[in-house]
């Protein structure tokens, strides 16, 4: 039986079977999904910022923490592996990274743009292919990720 699991900003969830992962509203934040299609294990992270500004040497990241894009991807991969997923065969999808204020449109220094670029860079460093993306723009979105089939449904907030 499927369960709807809601993911808040700066959180992530890894699950399996027929569960549906749902994000809250995303603007400049970015949602990253990773999915093992054979085992139907996947996860969704709702990250706010590209990376931690001051990396503390002994800082321990909680396994459900997704405030920063780089740490979110690492936590998703660890969670999927811990559930028995194959991290060498993951597919990724990224959604969000909007420029929410028209005055900043086209701003390559904006947080939305930097979140998109960081997600792409981190996924590439792990050799994870981005299968689909719906990034940028100026509208907020909401995401539903169906783990039964890997399908993502995106609603646009205008």
Protein backbone atom coordinates (compact mmCIF):
# COMPACT_ATOMS: atom_id res chain seq x y z
CA UNK A 1 0.00 0.00 0.00
CA UNK A 2 1.42 3.37 -0.95
CA UNK A 3 2.05 6.17 1.48
CA UNK A 4 2.46 9.89 0.74
CA UNK A 5 5.58 11.24 2.40
CA UNK A 6 5.98 15.02 2.63
CA UNK A 7 9.47 16.50 2.45
CA UNK A 8 10.05 19.90 4.01
CA UNK A 9 12.66 22.43 2.98
CA UNK A 10 16.20 21.29 3.90
CA UNK A 11 15.05 17.68 4.37
CA UNK A 12 15.35 14.49 2.40
CA UNK A 13 13.64 11.12 2.42
CA UNK A 14 14.71 7.79 0.95
CA UNK A 15 12.00 5.16 0.52
CA UNK A 16 10.86 2.27 -1.66
CA UNK A 17 7.91 0.34 -3.07
CA UNK A 18 4.85 2.36 -4.06
CA UNK A 19 5.40 5.38 -1.83
CA UNK A 20 4.96 8.90 -3.19
CA UNK A 21 7.41 11.59 -2.10
CA UNK A 22 6.04 15.16 -2.16
CA UNK A 23 7.93 18.42 -1.86
CA UNK A 24 6.64 21.63 -0.45
CA UNK A 25 6.71 24.68 -2.69
CA UNK A 26 10.11 25.27 -4.30
CA UNK A 27 11.34 28.56 -5.73
CA UNK A 28 15.08 29.18 -5.82
CA UNK A 29 15.57 25.92 -3.89
CA UNK A 30 16.21 22.76 -5.86
CA UNK A 31 14.68 19.30 -5.60
CA UNK A 32 17.00 16.44 -6.47
CA UNK A 33 15.67 12.92 -6.97
CA UNK A 34 17.75 9.76 -7.29
CA UNK A 35 16.18 6.46 -8.32
CA UNK A 36 17.27 2.83 -8.65
CA UNK A 37 14.83 1.65 -11.34
CA UNK A 38 15.41 -2.07 -10.76
CA UNK A 39 14.88 -2.09 -7.00
CA UNK A 40 12.43 0.85 -6.97
CA UNK A 41 14.38 2.59 -4.24
CA UNK A 42 14.60 6.34 -4.48
CA UNK A 43 14.94 9.55 -2.63
CA UNK A 44 14.08 13.21 -2.81
CA UNK A 45 15.99 16.13 -1.31
CA UNK A 46 14.76 19.73 -1.06
CA UNK A 47 18.00 21.75 -0.87
CA UNK A 48 18.17 25.49 -0.17
CA UNK A 49 21.79 26.45 -0.84
CA UNK A 50 24.63 25.17 -3.05
CA UNK A 51 27.12 24.38 -0.26
CA UNK A 52 28.03 25.09 3.33
CA UNK A 53 29.89 28.40 3.54
CA UNK A 54 32.32 27.46 6.30
CA UNK A 55 33.15 23.77 6.23
CA UNK A 56 33.91 22.76 9.79
CA UNK A 57 36.38 19.89 9.99
CA UNK A 58 34.46 17.79 12.49
CA UNK A 59 30.93 18.69 11.45
CA UNK A 60 28.66 15.67 11.20
CA UNK A 61 25.82 15.91 8.70
CA UNK A 62 22.58 14.23 9.79
CA UNK A 63 21.38 11.55 7.35
CA UNK A 64 18.11 13.39 6.68
CA UNK A 65 19.74 16.79 6.24
CA UNK A 66 19.47 18.42 2.83
CA UNK A 67 20.02 22.13 3.39
CA UNK A 68 23.03 22.15 1.04
CA UNK A 69 23.02 20.61 -2.45
CA UNK A 70 26.37 18.82 -2.11
CA UNK A 71 25.51 17.24 1.24
CA UNK A 72 21.99 16.36 0.04
CA UNK A 73 23.32 14.30 -2.88
CA UNK A 74 25.76 12.46 -0.60
CA UNK A 75 22.99 11.73 1.92
CA UNK A 76 20.61 10.52 -0.81
CA UNK A 77 23.26 8.15 -2.15
CA UNK A 78 24.04 6.82 1.32
CA UNK A 79 20.36 6.31 2.13
CA UNK A 80 19.72 4.44 -1.12
CA UNK A 81 22.78 2.25 -0.59
CA UNK A 82 21.74 1.53 3.02
CA UNK A 83 18.31 0.37 1.73
CA UNK A 84 19.98 -2.04 -0.69
CA UNK A 85 19.97 0.16 -3.79
CA UNK A 86 22.67 0.14 -6.45
CA UNK A 87 24.33 3.57 -6.42
CA UNK A 88 26.19 2.77 -9.66
CA UNK A 89 22.88 2.61 -11.55
CA UNK A 90 21.04 5.68 -10.29
CA UNK A 91 19.15 8.13 -12.45
CA UNK A 92 18.71 11.72 -11.35
CA UNK A 93 16.12 14.41 -11.98
CA UNK A 94 16.43 18.02 -10.85
CA UNK A 95 13.65 20.57 -10.47
CA UNK A 96 13.62 24.19 -9.30
CA UNK A 97 16.28 26.85 -9.10
CA UNK A 98 13.92 29.62 -10.18
CA UNK A 99 14.70 33.31 -10.13
CA UNK A 100 11.80 34.49 -8.02
CA UNK A 101 12.27 38.22 -8.50
CA UNK A 102 12.01 39.70 -12.00
CA UNK A 103 14.68 42.32 -11.27
CA UNK A 104 17.21 39.50 -10.89
CA UNK A 105 16.18 37.68 -14.07
CA UNK A 106 19.24 36.34 -15.86
CA UNK A 107 21.40 36.81 -12.77
CA UNK A 108 24.12 34.16 -12.89
CA UNK A 109 24.98 34.97 -9.28
CA UNK A 110 21.45 34.31 -8.01
CA UNK A 111 20.86 31.46 -5.61
CA UNK A 112 18.58 29.54 -8.00
CA UNK A 113 21.21 29.51 -10.75
CA UNK A 114 23.95 28.51 -8.30
CA UNK A 115 21.80 25.67 -6.92
CA UNK A 116 21.28 24.30 -10.44
CA UNK A 117 24.98 24.51 -11.30
CA UNK A 118 26.03 22.88 -8.02
CA UNK A 119 23.55 20.01 -8.47
CA UNK A 120 24.86 19.33 -11.98
CA UNK A 121 28.48 19.47 -10.82
CA UNK A 122 27.97 17.17 -7.83
CA UNK A 123 25.94 14.62 -9.81
CA UNK A 124 28.55 14.62 -12.58
CA UNK A 125 31.33 14.06 -10.02
CA UNK A 126 29.47 10.91 -8.89
CA UNK A 127 28.91 9.87 -12.53
CA UNK A 128 25.13 10.08 -12.09
CA UNK A 129 23.31 11.03 -15.28
CA UNK A 130 20.59 13.66 -15.09
CA UNK A 131 17.74 11.99 -16.97
CA UNK A 132 15.42 15.02 -16.89
CA UNK A 133 15.36 18.53 -15.51
CA UNK A 134 12.87 21.33 -15.11
CA UNK A 135 15.01 24.18 -13.83
CA UNK A 136 15.19 27.95 -13.89
CA UNK A 137 12.32 30.18 -14.87
CA UNK A 138 10.52 32.52 -12.51
CA UNK A 139 7.71 30.37 -11.09
CA UNK A 140 7.60 28.19 -8.01
CA UNK A 141 6.85 24.49 -8.34
CA UNK A 142 5.74 21.47 -6.33
CA UNK A 143 7.01 17.95 -7.01
CA UNK A 144 5.50 14.47 -6.58
CA UNK A 145 7.83 11.48 -7.08
CA UNK A 146 6.14 8.09 -7.50
CA UNK A 147 8.55 5.35 -6.44
CA UNK A 148 6.43 2.62 -8.06
CA UNK A 149 7.49 3.78 -11.52
CA UNK A 150 9.94 6.68 -11.11
CA UNK A 151 7.52 9.19 -12.63
CA UNK A 152 7.66 12.78 -11.43
CA UNK A 153 4.69 15.12 -11.59
CA UNK A 154 5.45 18.85 -11.42
CA UNK A 155 2.87 21.52 -10.56
CA UNK A 156 3.72 25.13 -11.37
CA UNK A 157 2.70 27.94 -9.03
CA UNK A 158 1.87 31.14 -10.90
